[in-house]
Amino acid sequence: MKKTLIAPAYAYQQFTDDSNIVAFFDAFNQMATETLTWLAEHPFPLYIGSYLTGGFLDYCAYCLYGQFRYKISYVQLQQYGGALNDQDINRIAIDEIIVQKNYLGTTINDDLFKRILTWNLYKGDGLSFTIPWLKRRIMRFLTGDEGQVWRFNSCQNVDVKVKGRIVAITITPGDWDSSLISVLDRIINNGILNIPPIYNYAISERQT
């Protein structure tokens, strides 16, 4: 994409002897060139890489692809027991157990959001849900920093077993952040990824 104006604005011939008008058009052309340069260096559809970040990434993802930056919600359970001298008086009965639920949420950072965008938007695998399709999606999610679509040699690190409506996914540790495995389990169960909802997915990391 060109970064210079092909046809810059100019004043009519009868006004070219007015220094103020000429300065105005020079300033306008300079601002237009700077805007054109910025647009060339920040391609809206290309979310992969470091071009789009923060709120600008949210804007482009929503306006171009209809994708929101969701929050990962989860429940924290805390158990209180009623042992003697353990709680305040009249707060809990003796031998009673109370389970307190705290609903929490974590905002998805730019790197994770771009991995999600690649999962939902990548068309190279086709649209038919199969076990190889799922394995490739998982490997691309684990290895694709900033949403990159890297080529990987195999999907042997991902083991998928289907029994009824249960899809059990076991991932062998590799050259990626192991925390992505637990994050993947949470975002799948939060319905953020495009995946058939008729199945229940259980993701775990193989202990070596």
N, C-alpha and C. Protein backbone atom coordinates (compact mmCIF):
# COMPACT_ATOMS: atom_id res chain seq x y z
N MET A 1 0.85 -1.20 0.00
CA MET A 1 0.00 0.00 0.00
C MET A 1 0.88 1.25 0.00
N LYS A 2 0.55 2.23 -0.86
CA LYS A 2 1.34 3.44 -0.95
C LYS A 2 1.16 4.29 0.31
N LYS A 3 2.26 4.97 0.71
CA LYS A 3 2.23 5.83 1.88
C LYS A 3 2.34 7.30 1.52
N THR A 4 2.24 7.62 0.25
CA THR A 4 2.26 9.02 -0.19
C THR A 4 1.02 9.29 -1.02
N LEU A 5 0.55 10.50 -0.97
CA LEU A 5 -0.66 10.87 -1.69
C LEU A 5 -0.39 10.95 -3.19
N ILE A 6 -1.22 10.24 -3.97
CA ILE A 6 -1.07 10.28 -5.43
C ILE A 6 -1.53 11.63 -5.98
N ALA A 7 -2.64 12.14 -5.47
CA ALA A 7 -3.19 13.42 -5.94
C ALA A 7 -3.43 14.32 -4.73
N PRO A 8 -2.42 15.05 -4.28
CA PRO A 8 -2.60 15.93 -3.12
C PRO A 8 -3.53 17.08 -3.43
N ALA A 9 -4.12 17.65 -2.38
CA ALA A 9 -5.01 18.79 -2.56
C ALA A 9 -4.19 20.05 -2.87
N TYR A 10 -4.77 20.95 -3.61
CA TYR A 10 -4.06 22.18 -3.97
C TYR A 10 -5.07 23.31 -4.13
N ALA A 11 -4.58 24.52 -4.02
CA ALA A 11 -5.44 25.69 -4.15
C ALA A 11 -5.64 26.04 -5.62
N TYR A 12 -6.75 26.71 -5.91
CA TYR A 12 -6.97 27.19 -7.28
C TYR A 12 -5.89 28.22 -7.65
N GLN A 13 -5.66 28.34 -8.94
CA GLN A 13 -4.57 29.18 -9.43
C GLN A 13 -4.66 30.62 -8.92
N GLN A 14 -5.88 31.15 -8.83
CA GLN A 14 -6.03 32.54 -8.43
C GLN A 14 -5.71 32.78 -6.95
N PHE A 15 -5.57 31.66 -6.16
CA PHE A 15 -5.27 31.82 -4.74
C PHE A 15 -3.84 31.39 -4.39
N THR A 16 -3.05 31.02 -5.38
CA THR A 16 -1.71 30.51 -5.09
C THR A 16 -0.76 31.58 -4.59
N ASP A 17 -1.13 32.86 -4.75
CA ASP A 17 -0.25 33.91 -4.25
C ASP A 17 -0.56 34.28 -2.80
N ASP A 18 -1.55 33.58 -2.21
CA ASP A 18 -1.90 33.82 -0.80
C ASP A 18 -1.16 32.79 0.06
N SER A 19 -0.22 33.27 0.84
CA SER A 19 0.61 32.35 1.63
C SER A 19 -0.19 31.58 2.67
N ASN A 20 -1.24 32.18 3.20
CA ASN A 20 -2.06 31.49 4.21
C ASN A 20 -2.83 30.32 3.60
N ILE A 21 -3.39 30.53 2.42
CA ILE A 21 -4.12 29.44 1.76
C ILE A 21 -3.17 28.32 1.36
N VAL A 22 -2.02 28.67 0.84
CA VAL A 22 -1.04 27.65 0.45
C VAL A 22 -0.58 26.87 1.67
N ALA A 23 -0.36 27.57 2.80
CA ALA A 23 0.06 26.89 4.03
C ALA A 23 -1.04 25.94 4.52
N PHE A 24 -2.29 26.37 4.35
CA PHE A 24 -3.40 25.51 4.76
C PHE A 24 -3.40 24.20 3.98
N PHE A 25 -3.23 24.27 2.68
CA PHE A 25 -3.24 23.05 1.85
C PHE A 25 -2.00 22.20 2.12
N ASP A 26 -0.86 22.83 2.39
CA ASP A 26 0.33 22.07 2.74
C ASP A 26 0.12 21.29 4.04
N ALA A 27 -0.50 21.94 5.03
CA ALA A 27 -0.77 21.27 6.30
C ALA A 27 -1.79 20.14 6.12
N PHE A 28 -2.79 20.41 5.29
CA PHE A 28 -3.81 19.37 5.02
C PHE A 28 -3.17 18.14 4.37
N ASN A 29 -2.31 18.35 3.38
CA ASN A 29 -1.65 17.24 2.70
C ASN A 29 -0.73 16.48 3.65
N GLN A 30 -0.07 17.19 4.56
CA GLN A 30 0.80 16.53 5.52
C GLN A 30 0.00 15.64 6.46
N MET A 31 -1.12 16.16 6.96
CA MET A 31 -1.98 15.35 7.85
C MET A 31 -2.56 14.16 7.10
N ALA A 32 -2.96 14.36 5.85
CA ALA A 32 -3.51 13.25 5.07
C ALA A 32 -2.46 12.18 4.83
N THR A 33 -1.21 12.59 4.59
CA THR A 33 -0.13 11.63 4.40
C THR A 33 0.14 10.86 5.67
N GLU A 34 0.14 11.53 6.82
CA GLU A 34 0.35 10.85 8.10
C GLU A 34 -0.77 9.85 8.38
N THR A 35 -2.01 10.22 8.05
CA THR A 35 -3.14 9.30 8.24
C THR A 35 -3.00 8.09 7.32
N LEU A 36 -2.62 8.32 6.08
CA LEU A 36 -2.44 7.22 5.13
C LEU A 36 -1.32 6.29 5.59
N THR A 37 -0.24 6.85 6.11
CA THR A 37 0.88 6.04 6.60
C THR A 37 0.44 5.20 7.79
N TRP A 38 -0.33 5.80 8.70
CA TRP A 38 -0.81 5.06 9.87
C TRP A 38 -1.73 3.92 9.46
N LEU A 39 -2.62 4.16 8.51
CA LEU A 39 -3.52 3.11 8.05
C LEU A 39 -2.74 1.98 7.38
N ALA A 40 -1.67 2.33 6.65
CA ALA A 40 -0.87 1.30 6.00
C ALA A 40 -0.12 0.44 7.01
N GLU A 41 0.26 1.04 8.15
CA GLU A 41 1.02 0.31 9.16
C GLU A 41 0.12 -0.39 10.17
N HIS A 42 -1.17 -0.14 10.13
CA HIS A 42 -2.12 -0.77 11.06
C HIS A 42 -3.29 -1.36 10.27
N PRO A 43 -3.05 -2.44 9.55
CA PRO A 43 -4.16 -3.04 8.78
C PRO A 43 -5.23 -3.60 9.71
N PHE A 44 -6.44 -3.12 9.57
CA PHE A 44 -7.52 -3.51 10.46
C PHE A 44 -7.82 -5.01 10.46
N PRO A 45 -7.90 -5.66 9.29
CA PRO A 45 -8.26 -7.07 9.30
C PRO A 45 -7.15 -7.97 9.83
N LEU A 46 -5.89 -7.50 9.82
CA LEU A 46 -4.77 -8.35 10.21
C LEU A 46 -4.51 -8.20 11.70
N TYR A 47 -5.24 -8.98 12.50
CA TYR A 47 -5.08 -8.90 13.96
C TYR A 47 -3.85 -9.65 14.44
N ILE A 48 -3.28 -10.53 13.61
CA ILE A 48 -2.12 -11.32 14.01
C ILE A 48 -0.91 -10.39 14.15
N GLY A 49 -0.12 -10.62 15.18
CA GLY A 49 1.07 -9.81 15.39
C GLY A 49 0.79 -8.69 16.37
N SER A 50 1.64 -7.68 16.35
CA SER A 50 1.59 -6.60 17.34
C SER A 50 0.94 -5.33 16.81
N TYR A 51 0.30 -5.38 15.64
CA TYR A 51 -0.31 -4.18 15.07
C TYR A 51 -1.50 -3.71 15.89
N LEU A 52 -2.38 -4.63 16.24
CA LEU A 52 -3.60 -4.28 16.96
C LEU A 52 -3.50 -4.73 18.40
N THR A 53 -3.77 -3.83 19.32
CA THR A 53 -3.72 -4.15 20.74
C THR A 53 -4.83 -3.39 21.47
N GLY A 54 -5.13 -3.85 22.68
CA GLY A 54 -6.04 -3.13 23.56
C GLY A 54 -7.41 -2.89 22.97
N GLY A 55 -7.91 -1.67 23.21
CA GLY A 55 -9.24 -1.31 22.73
C GLY A 55 -9.35 -1.27 21.23
N PHE A 56 -8.24 -0.96 20.55
CA PHE A 56 -8.25 -0.95 19.08
C PHE A 56 -8.47 -2.36 18.54
N LEU A 57 -7.87 -3.35 19.20
CA LEU A 57 -8.09 -4.75 18.82
C LEU A 57 -9.55 -5.13 19.06
N ASP A 58 -10.13 -4.70 20.18
CA ASP A 58 -11.54 -4.99 20.45
C ASP A 58 -12.43 -4.39 19.37
N TYR A 59 -12.13 -3.16 18.99
CA TYR A 59 -12.94 -2.46 17.98
C TYR A 59 -12.91 -3.19 16.64
N CYS A 60 -11.70 -3.56 16.20
CA CYS A 60 -11.57 -4.23 14.90
C CYS A 60 -12.18 -5.63 14.93
N ALA A 61 -11.98 -6.34 16.04
CA ALA A 61 -12.52 -7.70 16.14
C ALA A 61 -14.04 -7.69 16.10
N TYR A 62 -14.64 -6.69 16.75
CA TYR A 62 -16.10 -6.63 16.78
C TYR A 62 -16.67 -6.12 15.46
N CYS A 63 -16.10 -5.04 14.93
CA CYS A 63 -16.66 -4.41 13.73
C CYS A 63 -16.44 -5.26 12.48
N LEU A 64 -15.30 -5.98 12.41
CA LEU A 64 -14.99 -6.76 11.21
C LEU A 64 -15.45 -8.21 11.32
N TYR A 65 -15.34 -8.78 12.53
CA TYR A 65 -15.60 -10.22 12.67
C TYR A 65 -16.74 -10.54 13.64
N GLY A 66 -17.27 -9.54 14.34
CA GLY A 66 -18.35 -9.80 15.28
C GLY A 66 -17.92 -10.57 16.51
N GLN A 67 -16.64 -10.48 16.89
CA GLN A 67 -16.10 -11.22 18.02
C GLN A 67 -15.90 -10.28 19.21
N PHE A 68 -16.42 -10.69 20.37
CA PHE A 68 -16.26 -9.93 21.60
C PHE A 68 -15.06 -10.45 22.38
N ARG A 69 -14.49 -9.57 23.22
CA ARG A 69 -13.48 -10.01 24.19
C ARG A 69 -14.23 -10.40 25.47
N TYR A 70 -14.52 -11.67 25.59
CA TYR A 70 -15.29 -12.15 26.73
C TYR A 70 -14.42 -12.21 27.99
N LYS A 71 -15.08 -12.46 29.09
CA LYS A 71 -14.39 -12.76 30.34
C LYS A 71 -14.50 -14.25 30.63
N ILE A 72 -13.47 -14.82 31.20
CA ILE A 72 -13.50 -16.22 31.60
C ILE A 72 -14.07 -16.27 33.01
N SER A 73 -15.25 -16.82 33.18
CA SER A 73 -15.87 -16.90 34.49
C SER A 73 -15.64 -18.27 35.10
N TYR A 74 -15.51 -18.27 36.39
CA TYR A 74 -15.37 -19.54 37.10
C TYR A 74 -15.87 -19.34 38.52
N VAL A 75 -16.09 -20.44 39.22
CA VAL A 75 -16.66 -20.40 40.57
C VAL A 75 -15.61 -20.86 41.56
N GLN A 76 -15.43 -20.08 42.60
CA GLN A 76 -14.52 -20.45 43.68
C GLN A 76 -15.35 -20.91 44.86
N LEU A 77 -15.13 -22.15 45.29
CA LEU A 77 -15.87 -22.72 46.40
C LEU A 77 -15.03 -22.65 47.67
N GLN A 78 -15.65 -22.19 48.77
CA GLN A 78 -14.98 -22.14 50.05
C GLN A 78 -15.88 -22.76 51.10
N GLN A 79 -15.35 -23.71 51.82
CA GLN A 79 -16.15 -24.49 52.76
C GLN A 79 -15.88 -24.02 54.19
N TYR A 80 -16.97 -23.81 54.92
CA TYR A 80 -16.88 -23.42 56.32
C TYR A 80 -17.48 -24.54 57.17
N GLY A 81 -16.75 -24.93 58.19
CA GLY A 81 -17.24 -25.97 59.10
C GLY A 81 -17.68 -25.38 60.42
N GLY A 82 -18.46 -26.14 61.17
CA GLY A 82 -19.00 -25.66 62.44
C GLY A 82 -18.35 -26.28 63.65
N ALA A 83 -17.03 -26.40 63.64
CA ALA A 83 -16.33 -26.95 64.80
C ALA A 83 -16.37 -25.96 65.96
N LEU A 84 -16.17 -26.47 67.18
CA LEU A 84 -16.20 -25.61 68.37
C LEU A 84 -15.05 -24.60 68.33
N ASN A 85 -15.35 -23.38 68.74
CA ASN A 85 -14.36 -22.30 68.82
C ASN A 85 -13.73 -21.98 67.45
N ASP A 86 -14.46 -22.32 66.39
CA ASP A 86 -13.92 -22.09 65.05
C ASP A 86 -14.59 -20.90 64.36
N GLN A 87 -15.85 -20.62 64.69
CA GLN A 87 -16.60 -19.54 64.08
C GLN A 87 -17.21 -18.66 65.17
N ASP A 88 -17.68 -17.47 64.76
CA ASP A 88 -18.34 -16.58 65.70
C ASP A 88 -19.64 -17.21 66.20
N ILE A 89 -20.05 -16.81 67.38
CA ILE A 89 -21.27 -17.36 67.98
C ILE A 89 -22.48 -17.00 67.11
N ASN A 90 -23.35 -17.98 66.92
CA ASN A 90 -24.61 -17.84 66.18
C ASN A 90 -24.41 -17.61 64.68
N ARG A 91 -23.18 -17.73 64.24
CA ARG A 91 -22.95 -17.59 62.80
C ARG A 91 -23.21 -18.89 62.07
N ILE A 92 -22.84 -19.99 62.67
CA ILE A 92 -23.03 -21.31 62.06
C ILE A 92 -23.27 -22.32 63.18
N ALA A 93 -24.18 -23.24 62.93
CA ALA A 93 -24.51 -24.22 63.95
C ALA A 93 -23.39 -25.26 64.07
N ILE A 94 -23.32 -25.90 65.22
CA ILE A 94 -22.32 -26.94 65.44
C ILE A 94 -22.55 -28.10 64.47
N ASP A 95 -21.47 -28.59 63.89
CA ASP A 95 -21.48 -29.69 62.92
C ASP A 95 -22.13 -29.33 61.59
N GLU A 96 -22.47 -28.06 61.40
CA GLU A 96 -23.02 -27.64 60.12
C GLU A 96 -21.89 -27.23 59.18
N ILE A 97 -22.10 -27.45 57.88
CA ILE A 97 -21.11 -27.07 56.86
C ILE A 97 -21.78 -26.16 55.84
N ILE A 98 -21.15 -25.04 55.57
CA ILE A 98 -21.65 -24.09 54.59
C ILE A 98 -20.63 -23.96 53.47
N VAL A 99 -21.10 -24.04 52.23
CA VAL A 99 -20.24 -23.86 51.06
C VAL A 99 -20.57 -22.51 50.44
N GLN A 100 -19.59 -21.62 50.41
CA GLN A 100 -19.78 -20.29 49.84
C GLN A 100 -19.25 -20.25 48.43
N LYS A 101 -20.06 -19.73 47.50
CA LYS A 101 -19.69 -19.65 46.09
C LYS A 101 -19.35 -18.20 45.74
N ASN A 102 -18.20 -18.01 45.16
CA ASN A 102 -17.78 -16.70 44.67
C ASN A 102 -17.62 -16.79 43.16
N TYR A 103 -18.41 -16.02 42.43
CA TYR A 103 -18.34 -16.02 40.98
C TYR A 103 -17.33 -14.97 40.53
N LEU A 104 -16.28 -15.42 39.89
CA LEU A 104 -15.17 -14.56 39.50
C LEU A 104 -15.04 -14.53 37.98
N GLY A 105 -14.33 -13.53 37.48
CA GLY A 105 -14.10 -13.44 36.04
C GLY A 105 -12.73 -12.86 35.75
N THR A 106 -12.12 -13.31 34.68
CA THR A 106 -10.79 -12.84 34.28
C THR A 106 -10.88 -12.32 32.86
N THR A 107 -10.42 -11.10 32.65
CA THR A 107 -10.43 -10.54 31.30
C THR A 107 -9.37 -11.22 30.45
N ILE A 108 -9.71 -11.51 29.23
CA ILE A 108 -8.78 -12.18 28.32
C ILE A 108 -7.77 -11.17 27.79
N ASN A 109 -6.48 -11.47 27.90
CA ASN A 109 -5.45 -10.54 27.40
C ASN A 109 -5.36 -10.62 25.88
N ASP A 110 -4.53 -9.74 25.30
CA ASP A 110 -4.45 -9.63 23.84
C ASP A 110 -3.99 -10.93 23.20
N ASP A 111 -2.96 -11.57 23.77
CA ASP A 111 -2.43 -12.80 23.19
C ASP A 111 -3.49 -13.89 23.16
N LEU A 112 -4.19 -14.07 24.27
CA LEU A 112 -5.22 -15.11 24.33
C LEU A 112 -6.39 -14.77 23.43
N PHE A 113 -6.75 -13.50 23.35
CA PHE A 113 -7.85 -13.08 22.49
C PHE A 113 -7.53 -13.37 21.03
N LYS A 114 -6.29 -13.15 20.62
CA LYS A 114 -5.91 -13.41 19.24
C LYS A 114 -5.89 -14.92 18.95
N ARG A 115 -5.51 -15.74 19.93
CA ARG A 115 -5.59 -17.20 19.76
C ARG A 115 -7.04 -17.63 19.57
N ILE A 116 -7.94 -17.01 20.32
CA ILE A 116 -9.37 -17.32 20.18
C ILE A 116 -9.88 -16.90 18.81
N LEU A 117 -9.46 -15.73 18.35
CA LEU A 117 -9.88 -15.27 17.02
C LEU A 117 -9.42 -16.23 15.94
N THR A 118 -8.18 -16.72 16.05
CA THR A 118 -7.68 -17.66 15.06
C THR A 118 -8.48 -18.96 15.11
N TRP A 119 -8.81 -19.43 16.30
CA TRP A 119 -9.62 -20.65 16.43
C TRP A 119 -10.96 -20.46 15.72
N ASN A 120 -11.61 -19.34 15.96
CA ASN A 120 -12.96 -19.14 15.44
C ASN A 120 -13.00 -18.75 13.96
N LEU A 121 -11.92 -18.15 13.45
CA LEU A 121 -11.96 -17.59 12.10
C LEU A 121 -11.18 -18.40 11.07
N TYR A 122 -10.28 -19.28 11.51
CA TYR A 122 -9.43 -20.00 10.57
C TYR A 122 -10.27 -20.97 9.74
N LYS A 123 -10.11 -20.90 8.43
CA LYS A 123 -10.93 -21.71 7.52
C LYS A 123 -10.14 -22.84 6.85
N GLY A 124 -8.84 -22.96 7.15
CA GLY A 124 -8.01 -23.95 6.47
C GLY A 124 -8.39 -25.38 6.76
N ASP A 125 -9.03 -25.65 7.90
CA ASP A 125 -9.41 -27.02 8.27
C ASP A 125 -10.78 -27.41 7.76
N GLY A 126 -11.51 -26.47 7.16
CA GLY A 126 -12.88 -26.76 6.76
C GLY A 126 -13.84 -26.55 7.92
N LEU A 127 -15.07 -26.89 7.71
CA LEU A 127 -16.11 -26.66 8.72
C LEU A 127 -16.67 -27.94 9.32
N SER A 128 -16.21 -29.09 8.87
CA SER A 128 -16.72 -30.36 9.39
C SER A 128 -15.97 -30.73 10.67
N PHE A 129 -16.72 -30.98 11.73
CA PHE A 129 -16.13 -31.32 13.02
C PHE A 129 -15.70 -32.78 13.03
N THR A 130 -14.39 -33.01 13.14
CA THR A 130 -13.83 -34.34 13.24
C THR A 130 -12.75 -34.32 14.32
N ILE A 131 -12.26 -35.49 14.69
CA ILE A 131 -11.18 -35.54 15.68
C ILE A 131 -9.90 -34.90 15.14
N PRO A 132 -9.47 -35.16 13.89
CA PRO A 132 -8.31 -34.43 13.37
C PRO A 132 -8.52 -32.93 13.34
N TRP A 133 -9.74 -32.48 13.02
CA TRP A 133 -10.06 -31.05 13.03
C TRP A 133 -9.85 -30.46 14.42
N LEU A 134 -10.33 -31.17 15.43
CA LEU A 134 -10.20 -30.70 16.81
C LEU A 134 -8.75 -30.69 17.26
N LYS A 135 -8.00 -31.71 16.89
CA LYS A 135 -6.58 -31.77 17.28
C LYS A 135 -5.80 -30.62 16.67
N ARG A 136 -6.03 -30.33 15.40
CA ARG A 136 -5.32 -29.23 14.75
C ARG A 136 -5.69 -27.89 15.38
N ARG A 137 -6.97 -27.73 15.73
CA ARG A 137 -7.39 -26.49 16.37
C ARG A 137 -6.67 -26.32 17.72
N ILE A 138 -6.57 -27.38 18.47
CA ILE A 138 -5.92 -27.31 19.78
C ILE A 138 -4.44 -27.00 19.63
N MET A 139 -3.76 -27.68 18.70
CA MET A 139 -2.33 -27.43 18.50
C MET A 139 -2.10 -26.00 18.03
N ARG A 140 -2.96 -25.50 17.17
CA ARG A 140 -2.82 -24.13 16.69
C ARG A 140 -3.04 -23.13 17.83
N PHE A 141 -3.95 -23.45 18.73
CA PHE A 141 -4.19 -22.59 19.88
C PHE A 141 -2.98 -22.57 20.82
N LEU A 142 -2.37 -23.73 21.04
CA LEU A 142 -1.26 -23.82 21.98
C LEU A 142 0.02 -23.20 21.43
N THR A 143 0.25 -23.34 20.16
CA THR A 143 1.52 -22.89 19.57
C THR A 143 1.45 -21.53 18.91
N GLY A 144 0.26 -20.99 18.71
CA GLY A 144 0.10 -19.76 17.93
C GLY A 144 0.20 -18.49 18.76
N ASP A 145 1.41 -18.05 19.07
CA ASP A 145 1.58 -16.79 19.79
C ASP A 145 1.00 -15.64 18.97
N GLU A 146 0.28 -14.74 19.66
CA GLU A 146 -0.33 -13.58 19.00
C GLU A 146 -1.26 -13.99 17.86
N GLY A 147 -1.82 -15.20 17.95
CA GLY A 147 -2.75 -15.65 16.93
C GLY A 147 -2.11 -16.17 15.66
N GLN A 148 -0.79 -16.37 15.68
CA GLN A 148 -0.10 -16.85 14.49
C GLN A 148 -0.56 -18.26 14.12
N VAL A 149 -0.51 -18.56 12.84
CA VAL A 149 -0.89 -19.89 12.34
C VAL A 149 0.40 -20.61 11.97
N TRP A 150 1.06 -21.16 12.97
CA TRP A 150 2.31 -21.88 12.72
C TRP A 150 2.03 -23.26 12.17
N ARG A 151 2.99 -23.77 11.43
CA ARG A 151 2.92 -25.16 10.98
C ARG A 151 3.56 -26.05 12.03
N PHE A 152 2.88 -27.12 12.39
CA PHE A 152 3.42 -28.06 13.38
C PHE A 152 3.53 -29.42 12.72
N ASN A 153 4.50 -30.19 13.18
CA ASN A 153 4.82 -31.46 12.52
C ASN A 153 3.73 -32.50 12.71
N SER A 154 3.13 -32.55 13.88
CA SER A 154 2.11 -33.56 14.14
C SER A 154 1.21 -33.09 15.28
N CYS A 155 0.17 -33.87 15.51
CA CYS A 155 -0.76 -33.59 16.62
C CYS A 155 -0.68 -34.69 17.68
N GLN A 156 0.48 -35.35 17.78
CA GLN A 156 0.61 -36.47 18.71
C GLN A 156 0.50 -36.04 20.16
N ASN A 157 0.73 -34.77 20.45
CA ASN A 157 0.60 -34.30 21.84
C ASN A 157 -0.84 -34.23 22.31
N VAL A 158 -1.77 -34.33 21.38
CA VAL A 158 -3.19 -34.20 21.73
C VAL A 158 -3.86 -35.56 21.53
N ASP A 159 -4.45 -36.09 22.60
CA ASP A 159 -5.17 -37.36 22.54
C ASP A 159 -6.65 -37.09 22.79
N VAL A 160 -7.50 -37.53 21.89
CA VAL A 160 -8.94 -37.28 21.98
C VAL A 160 -9.68 -38.62 22.01
N LYS A 161 -10.53 -38.77 23.00
CA LYS A 161 -11.37 -39.96 23.12
C LYS A 161 -12.81 -39.53 23.30
N VAL A 162 -13.69 -40.13 22.52
CA VAL A 162 -15.11 -39.78 22.56
C VAL A 162 -15.90 -40.98 23.08
N LYS A 163 -16.70 -40.72 24.11
CA LYS A 163 -17.57 -41.76 24.66
C LYS A 163 -18.93 -41.14 24.90
N GLY A 164 -19.87 -41.49 24.04
CA GLY A 164 -21.19 -40.88 24.14
C GLY A 164 -21.11 -39.40 23.82
N ARG A 165 -21.52 -38.58 24.77
CA ARG A 165 -21.47 -37.13 24.62
C ARG A 165 -20.24 -36.52 25.30
N ILE A 166 -19.36 -37.34 25.79
CA ILE A 166 -18.18 -36.86 26.50
C ILE A 166 -16.97 -36.90 25.57
N VAL A 167 -16.30 -35.78 25.42
CA VAL A 167 -15.05 -35.71 24.64
C VAL A 167 -13.92 -35.46 25.63
N ALA A 168 -13.12 -36.48 25.86
CA ALA A 168 -12.00 -36.38 26.79
C ALA A 168 -10.74 -36.04 26.01
N ILE A 169 -10.10 -34.93 26.35
CA ILE A 169 -8.91 -34.45 25.66
C ILE A 169 -7.75 -34.46 26.64
N THR A 170 -6.71 -35.18 26.29
CA THR A 170 -5.51 -35.23 27.13
C THR A 170 -4.35 -34.67 26.33
N ILE A 171 -3.66 -33.69 26.90
CA ILE A 171 -2.59 -32.99 26.20
C ILE A 171 -1.27 -33.27 26.88
N THR A 172 -0.30 -33.75 26.11
CA THR A 172 1.05 -33.97 26.61
C THR A 172 1.81 -32.65 26.59
N PRO A 173 2.51 -32.30 27.67
CA PRO A 173 3.25 -31.03 27.70
C PRO A 173 4.22 -30.92 26.54
N GLY A 174 4.36 -29.70 26.02
CA GLY A 174 5.26 -29.44 24.90
C GLY A 174 5.89 -28.07 25.02
N ASP A 175 6.27 -27.50 23.89
CA ASP A 175 6.94 -26.19 23.87
C ASP A 175 5.94 -25.05 23.91
N TRP A 176 5.14 -25.02 24.95
CA TRP A 176 4.18 -23.95 25.15
C TRP A 176 3.93 -23.80 26.64
N ASP A 177 3.30 -22.70 27.00
CA ASP A 177 2.99 -22.44 28.40
C ASP A 177 1.93 -23.42 28.87
N SER A 178 2.24 -24.17 29.92
CA SER A 178 1.31 -25.21 30.39
C SER A 178 0.01 -24.60 30.91
N SER A 179 0.03 -23.32 31.30
CA SER A 179 -1.20 -22.70 31.79
C SER A 179 -2.25 -22.57 30.69
N LEU A 180 -1.82 -22.62 29.42
CA LEU A 180 -2.78 -22.52 28.32
C LEU A 180 -3.73 -23.71 28.31
N ILE A 181 -3.30 -24.84 28.85
CA ILE A 181 -4.17 -26.03 28.85
C ILE A 181 -5.37 -25.80 29.76
N SER A 182 -5.13 -25.30 30.97
CA SER A 182 -6.25 -25.03 31.88
C SER A 182 -7.11 -23.89 31.35
N VAL A 183 -6.48 -22.89 30.72
CA VAL A 183 -7.25 -21.78 30.14
C VAL A 183 -8.13 -22.29 29.01
N LEU A 184 -7.60 -23.20 28.19
CA LEU A 184 -8.37 -23.77 27.09
C LEU A 184 -9.61 -24.49 27.61
N ASP A 185 -9.46 -25.22 28.70
CA ASP A 185 -10.59 -25.93 29.28
C ASP A 185 -11.67 -24.95 29.73
N ARG A 186 -11.26 -23.83 30.33
CA ARG A 186 -12.22 -22.85 30.83
C ARG A 186 -12.92 -22.12 29.70
N ILE A 187 -12.20 -21.74 28.64
CA ILE A 187 -12.86 -20.99 27.57
C ILE A 187 -13.77 -21.89 26.74
N ILE A 188 -13.44 -23.18 26.63
CA ILE A 188 -14.35 -24.10 25.95
C ILE A 188 -15.64 -24.24 26.74
N ASN A 189 -15.52 -24.42 28.06
CA ASN A 189 -16.71 -24.60 28.89
C ASN A 189 -17.49 -23.31 29.08
N ASN A 190 -16.88 -22.17 28.75
CA ASN A 190 -17.60 -20.90 28.79
C ASN A 190 -18.27 -20.60 27.46
N GLY A 191 -18.11 -21.50 26.46
CA GLY A 191 -18.77 -21.31 25.18
C GLY A 191 -18.17 -20.22 24.32
N ILE A 192 -16.88 -19.92 24.49
CA ILE A 192 -16.25 -18.85 23.73
C ILE A 192 -15.76 -19.34 22.38
N LEU A 193 -15.33 -20.59 22.29
CA LEU A 193 -14.79 -21.13 21.05
C LEU A 193 -15.90 -21.76 20.20
N ASN A 194 -15.73 -21.65 18.87
CA ASN A 194 -16.67 -22.29 17.95
C ASN A 194 -16.41 -23.80 17.96
N ILE A 195 -17.30 -24.51 18.59
CA ILE A 195 -17.15 -25.95 18.75
C ILE A 195 -18.56 -26.51 18.98
N PRO A 196 -18.86 -27.72 18.50
CA PRO A 196 -20.22 -28.25 18.66
C PRO A 196 -20.66 -28.29 20.12
N PRO A 197 -21.78 -27.65 20.46
CA PRO A 197 -22.21 -27.59 21.86
C PRO A 197 -22.91 -28.85 22.36
N ILE A 198 -23.10 -29.83 21.48
CA ILE A 198 -23.82 -31.02 21.90
C ILE A 198 -22.95 -31.95 22.73
N TYR A 199 -21.64 -31.67 22.78
CA TYR A 199 -20.72 -32.50 23.54
C TYR A 199 -20.27 -31.78 24.80
N ASN A 200 -19.85 -32.57 25.77
CA ASN A 200 -19.21 -32.04 26.97
C ASN A 200 -17.71 -32.32 26.87
N TYR A 201 -16.91 -31.30 27.07
CA TYR A 201 -15.47 -31.41 26.85
C TYR A 201 -14.74 -31.37 28.19
N ALA A 202 -13.82 -32.31 28.34
CA ALA A 202 -12.99 -32.38 29.55
C ALA A 202 -11.54 -32.41 29.10
N ILE A 203 -10.78 -31.39 29.47
CA ILE A 203 -9.38 -31.26 29.05
C ILE A 203 -8.47 -31.42 30.25
N SER A 204 -7.45 -32.21 30.10
CA SER A 204 -6.49 -32.42 31.17
C SER A 204 -5.08 -32.51 30.60
N GLU A 205 -4.10 -32.32 31.45
CA GLU A 205 -2.70 -32.41 31.05
C GLU A 205 -2.13 -33.75 31.49
N ARG A 206 -1.48 -34.44 30.58
CA ARG A 206 -0.90 -35.74 30.90
C ARG A 206 0.30 -35.54 31.81
N GLN A 207 0.30 -36.26 32.91
CA GLN A 207 1.41 -36.18 33.86
C GLN A 207 2.56 -37.05 33.39
N THR A 208 3.75 -36.45 33.31
CA THR A 208 4.92 -37.19 32.83
C THR A 208 5.89 -37.46 33.96
